[in-house]
Amino acid sequence: QVQVEESGGGLVQAGGSLRLSCRTSGRTSSFAVMAWFRQAPGKEREFVIYRDWSGGRTYSADSVKGRFSISRDNAENTMYLQMNNLKPEDTAVYYCAPRINRLAISTIRRAENYYYWGQGTQVTVSA
């Protein structure tokens, strides 16, 4: 299967920024869409953001809208989650979820619609 590896997490003060990376490898040369999810202890995996590369449209959870953005570097097969103005409630393990084909917009928040996951990277935001 496609291999996925997240990195870039760490400890940051509230109001600070982090950029998470998601590097992929395997048989697939490119992905049409990319999403990021996060999971805090005792909570379900939560949708964060979704980007359709062809259409250029980004869909964000209300909790991160205006603070998080998504981008990619095709040469490195790497996708990025830029997180600005971080809040303590952003603390979670973050996972990237690339997809080869697009999803109906009504389904992008469902983790079960994504097949490739890495080990995640821990983000901790202190007050």
C-alpha atoms as a PDB file:
ATOM      1  CA  GLN A   1       0.000   0.000   0.000  1.00  0.00           C
ATOM      2  CA  VAL A   2       0.889   3.649  -0.135  1.00  0.00           C
ATOM      3  CA  GLN A   3       3.081   4.656   2.775  1.00  0.00           C
ATOM      4  CA  VAL A   4       2.319   7.820   4.692  1.00  0.00           C
ATOM      5  CA  GLU A   5       4.511   9.552   7.236  1.00  0.00           C
ATOM      6  CA  GLU A   6       3.622  12.674   9.186  1.00  0.00           C
ATOM      7  CA  SER A   7       6.193  14.858  10.871  1.00  0.00           C
ATOM      8  CA  GLY A   8       6.693  18.347  12.227  1.00  0.00           C
ATOM      9  CA  GLY A   9       4.714  18.157  15.427  1.00  0.00           C
ATOM     10  CA  GLY A  10       5.968  19.424  18.724  1.00  0.00           C
ATOM     11  CA  LEU A  11       5.327  21.700  21.642  1.00  0.00           C
ATOM     12  CA  VAL A  12       4.351  25.276  20.921  1.00  0.00           C
ATOM     13  CA  GLN A  13       2.974  28.181  22.899  1.00  0.00           C
ATOM     14  CA  ALA A  14      -0.548  29.392  22.281  1.00  0.00           C
ATOM     15  CA  GLY A  15      -0.533  31.858  19.430  1.00  0.00           C
ATOM     16  CA  GLY A  16       2.418  30.190  17.783  1.00  0.00           C
ATOM     17  CA  SER A  17       2.676  28.317  14.513  1.00  0.00           C
ATOM     18  CA  LEU A  18       3.704  24.916  13.242  1.00  0.00           C
ATOM     19  CA  ARG A  19       3.955  23.364   9.813  1.00  0.00           C
ATOM     20  CA  LEU A  20       3.236  19.670   9.629  1.00  0.00           C
ATOM     21  CA  SER A  21       4.539  17.560   6.771  1.00  0.00           C
ATOM     22  CA  CYS A  22       3.057  14.469   5.187  1.00  0.00           C
ATOM     23  CA  ARG A  23       5.334  12.515   2.896  1.00  0.00           C
ATOM     24  CA  THR A  24       3.969   9.689   0.795  1.00  0.00           C
ATOM     25  CA  SER A  25       5.552   6.861  -1.139  1.00  0.00           C
ATOM     26  CA  GLY A  26       4.427   3.770  -2.985  1.00  0.00           C
ATOM     27  CA  ARG A  27       2.796   2.898  -6.250  1.00  0.00           C
ATOM     28  CA  THR A  28       0.746   6.070  -6.583  1.00  0.00           C
ATOM     29  CA  SER A  29       2.542   8.965  -8.205  1.00  0.00           C
ATOM     30  CA  SER A  30       0.098  11.663  -7.176  1.00  0.00           C
ATOM     31  CA  PHE A  31      -3.058  12.348  -5.197  1.00  0.00           C
ATOM     32  CA  ALA A  32      -6.042  14.379  -6.260  1.00  0.00           C
ATOM     33  CA  VAL A  33      -7.047  15.460  -2.780  1.00  0.00           C
ATOM     34  CA  MET A  34      -5.624  15.716   0.698  1.00  0.00           C
ATOM     35  CA  ALA A  35      -7.230  15.907   4.101  1.00  0.00           C
ATOM     36  CA  TRP A  36      -5.956  16.260   7.625  1.00  0.00           C
ATOM     37  CA  PHE A  37      -7.574  14.817  10.721  1.00  0.00           C
ATOM     38  CA  ARG A  38      -6.699  15.005  14.377  1.00  0.00           C
ATOM     39  CA  GLN A  39      -7.450  12.931  17.423  1.00  0.00           C
ATOM     40  CA  ALA A  40      -7.220  13.945  21.045  1.00  0.00           C
ATOM     41  CA  PRO A  41      -7.245  11.409  23.891  1.00  0.00           C
ATOM     42  CA  GLY A  42     -10.726  10.118  24.537  1.00  0.00           C
ATOM     43  CA  LYS A  43     -12.155  11.689  21.394  1.00  0.00           C
ATOM     44  CA  GLU A  44     -13.006  10.458  17.929  1.00  0.00           C
ATOM     45  CA  ARG A  45     -10.840  11.280  14.977  1.00  0.00           C
ATOM     46  CA  GLU A  46     -11.862  14.773  13.934  1.00  0.00           C
ATOM     47  CA  PHE A  47     -11.878  16.317  10.497  1.00  0.00           C
ATOM     48  CA  VAL A  48      -9.624  19.354  10.177  1.00  0.00           C
ATOM     49  CA  ILE A  49      -9.215  20.403   6.555  1.00  0.00           C
ATOM     50  CA  TYR A  50      -9.585  19.134   2.979  1.00  0.00           C
ATOM     51  CA  ARG A  51      -8.057  20.383  -0.272  1.00  0.00           C
ATOM     52  CA  ASP A  52      -9.017  19.521  -3.826  1.00  0.00           C
ATOM     53  CA  TRP A  53      -5.871  20.181  -5.818  1.00  0.00           C
ATOM     54  CA  SER A  54      -7.615  20.373  -9.171  1.00  0.00           C
ATOM     55  CA  GLY A  55     -10.306  22.780  -8.101  1.00  0.00           C
ATOM     56  CA  GLY A  56      -8.181  24.644  -5.598  1.00  0.00           C
ATOM     57  CA  ARG A  57     -10.986  24.660  -3.073  1.00  0.00           C
ATOM     58  CA  THR A  58     -10.311  24.226   0.611  1.00  0.00           C
ATOM     59  CA  TYR A  59     -12.855  23.073   3.171  1.00  0.00           C
ATOM     60  CA  SER A  60     -12.053  23.617   6.820  1.00  0.00           C
ATOM     61  CA  ALA A  61     -13.606  22.655  10.083  1.00  0.00           C
ATOM     62  CA  ASP A  62     -15.119  25.660  11.798  1.00  0.00           C
ATOM     63  CA  SER A  63     -12.657  25.249  14.649  1.00  0.00           C
ATOM     64  CA  VAL A  64      -9.644  25.906  12.404  1.00  0.00           C
ATOM     65  CA  LYS A  65     -11.039  28.101   9.642  1.00  0.00           C
ATOM     66  CA  GLY A  66      -8.840  31.098   9.030  1.00  0.00           C
ATOM     67  CA  ARG A  67      -5.969  29.591  11.011  1.00  0.00           C
ATOM     68  CA  PHE A  68      -4.985  26.434   9.129  1.00  0.00           C
ATOM     69  CA  SER A  69      -4.111  25.994   5.478  1.00  0.00           C
ATOM     70  CA  ILE A  70      -2.954  23.140   3.284  1.00  0.00           C
ATOM     71  CA  SER A  71      -0.364  23.006   0.500  1.00  0.00           C
ATOM     72  CA  ARG A  72       1.933  20.581  -1.304  1.00  0.00           C
ATOM     73  CA  ASP A  73       5.346  20.113  -2.870  1.00  0.00           C
ATOM     74  CA  ASN A  74       5.001  17.751  -5.809  1.00  0.00           C
ATOM     75  CA  ALA A  75       8.736  17.311  -6.238  1.00  0.00           C
ATOM     76  CA  GLU A  76       8.996  15.853  -2.740  1.00  0.00           C
ATOM     77  CA  ASN A  77       5.632  14.075  -2.673  1.00  0.00           C
ATOM     78  CA  THR A  78       4.951  16.057   0.445  1.00  0.00           C
ATOM     79  CA  MET A  79       1.848  17.808   1.688  1.00  0.00           C
ATOM     80  CA  TYR A  80       1.802  20.427   4.412  1.00  0.00           C
ATOM     81  CA  LEU A  81      -0.559  21.641   7.064  1.00  0.00           C
ATOM     82  CA  GLN A  82       0.282  25.175   8.114  1.00  0.00           C
ATOM     83  CA  MET A  83      -1.143  25.920  11.539  1.00  0.00           C
ATOM     84  CA  ASN A  84      -1.179  29.502  12.771  1.00  0.00           C
ATOM     85  CA  ASN A  85      -2.488  31.106  15.926  1.00  0.00           C
ATOM     86  CA  LEU A  86      -2.526  27.764  17.679  1.00  0.00           C
ATOM     87  CA  LYS A  87      -4.777  27.233  20.661  1.00  0.00           C
ATOM     88  CA  PRO A  88      -4.599  24.708  23.501  1.00  0.00           C
ATOM     89  CA  GLU A  89      -7.669  22.988  22.089  1.00  0.00           C
ATOM     90  CA  ASP A  90      -5.649  22.191  18.959  1.00  0.00           C
ATOM     91  CA  THR A  91      -3.625  19.707  20.992  1.00  0.00           C
ATOM     92  CA  ALA A  92      -3.961  16.295  19.345  1.00  0.00           C
ATOM     93  CA  VAL A  93      -2.256  13.728  17.190  1.00  0.00           C
ATOM     94  CA  TYR A  94      -2.505  14.907  13.602  1.00  0.00           C
ATOM     95  CA  TYR A  95      -2.911  12.572  10.647  1.00  0.00           C
ATOM     96  CA  CYS A  96      -2.813  13.243   6.944  1.00  0.00           C
ATOM     97  CA  ALA A  97      -5.120  11.382   4.608  1.00  0.00           C
ATOM     98  CA  PRO A  98      -4.337  11.555   0.904  1.00  0.00           C
ATOM     99  CA  ARG A  99      -6.754  10.235  -1.686  1.00  0.00           C
ATOM    100  CA  ILE A 100      -6.238   9.358  -5.314  1.00  0.00           C
ATOM    101  CA  ASN A 101      -9.749  10.358  -6.309  1.00  0.00           C
ATOM    102  CA  ARG A 102     -12.047  13.114  -5.170  1.00  0.00           C
ATOM    103  CA  LEU A 103     -14.810  12.802  -2.632  1.00  0.00           C
ATOM    104  CA  ALA A 104     -18.287  14.197  -2.700  1.00  0.00           C
ATOM    105  CA  ILE A 105     -18.185  17.308  -0.570  1.00  0.00           C
ATOM    106  CA  SER A 106     -20.828  15.919   1.739  1.00  0.00           C
ATOM    107  CA  THR A 107     -18.519  13.036   2.682  1.00  0.00           C
ATOM    108  CA  ILE A 108     -15.139  14.704   3.167  1.00  0.00           C
ATOM    109  CA  ARG A 109     -15.488  14.837   6.952  1.00  0.00           C
ATOM    110  CA  ARG A 110     -15.830  11.080   7.298  1.00  0.00           C
ATOM    111  CA  ALA A 111     -12.584   9.398   8.282  1.00  0.00           C
ATOM    112  CA  GLU A 112     -13.822   6.076   6.952  1.00  0.00           C
ATOM    113  CA  ASN A 113     -13.600   7.452   3.416  1.00  0.00           C
ATOM    114  CA  TYR A 114      -9.824   7.699   3.632  1.00  0.00           C
ATOM    115  CA  TYR A 115      -7.635   4.655   3.196  1.00  0.00           C
ATOM    116  CA  TYR A 116      -4.079   5.819   3.777  1.00  0.00           C
ATOM    117  CA  TRP A 117      -2.883   6.930   7.199  1.00  0.00           C
ATOM    118  CA  GLY A 118       0.454   7.396   8.840  1.00  0.00           C
ATOM    119  CA  GLN A 119       1.432   7.076  12.469  1.00  0.00           C
ATOM    120  CA  GLY A 120       0.496  10.667  13.180  1.00  0.00           C
ATOM    121  CA  THR A 121       2.471  13.468  14.751  1.00  0.00           C
ATOM    122  CA  GLN A 122       1.800  14.942  18.167  1.00  0.00           C
ATOM    123  CA  VAL A 123       0.988  18.625  18.480  1.00  0.00           C
ATOM    124  CA  THR A 124       0.855  20.088  21.955  1.00  0.00           C
ATOM    125  CA  VAL A 125      -0.143  23.703  22.507  1.00  0.00           C
ATOM    126  CA  SER A 126       0.475  25.206  25.912  1.00  0.00           C
ATOM    127  CA  ALA A 127      -1.376  28.183  27.315  1.00  0.00           C
END
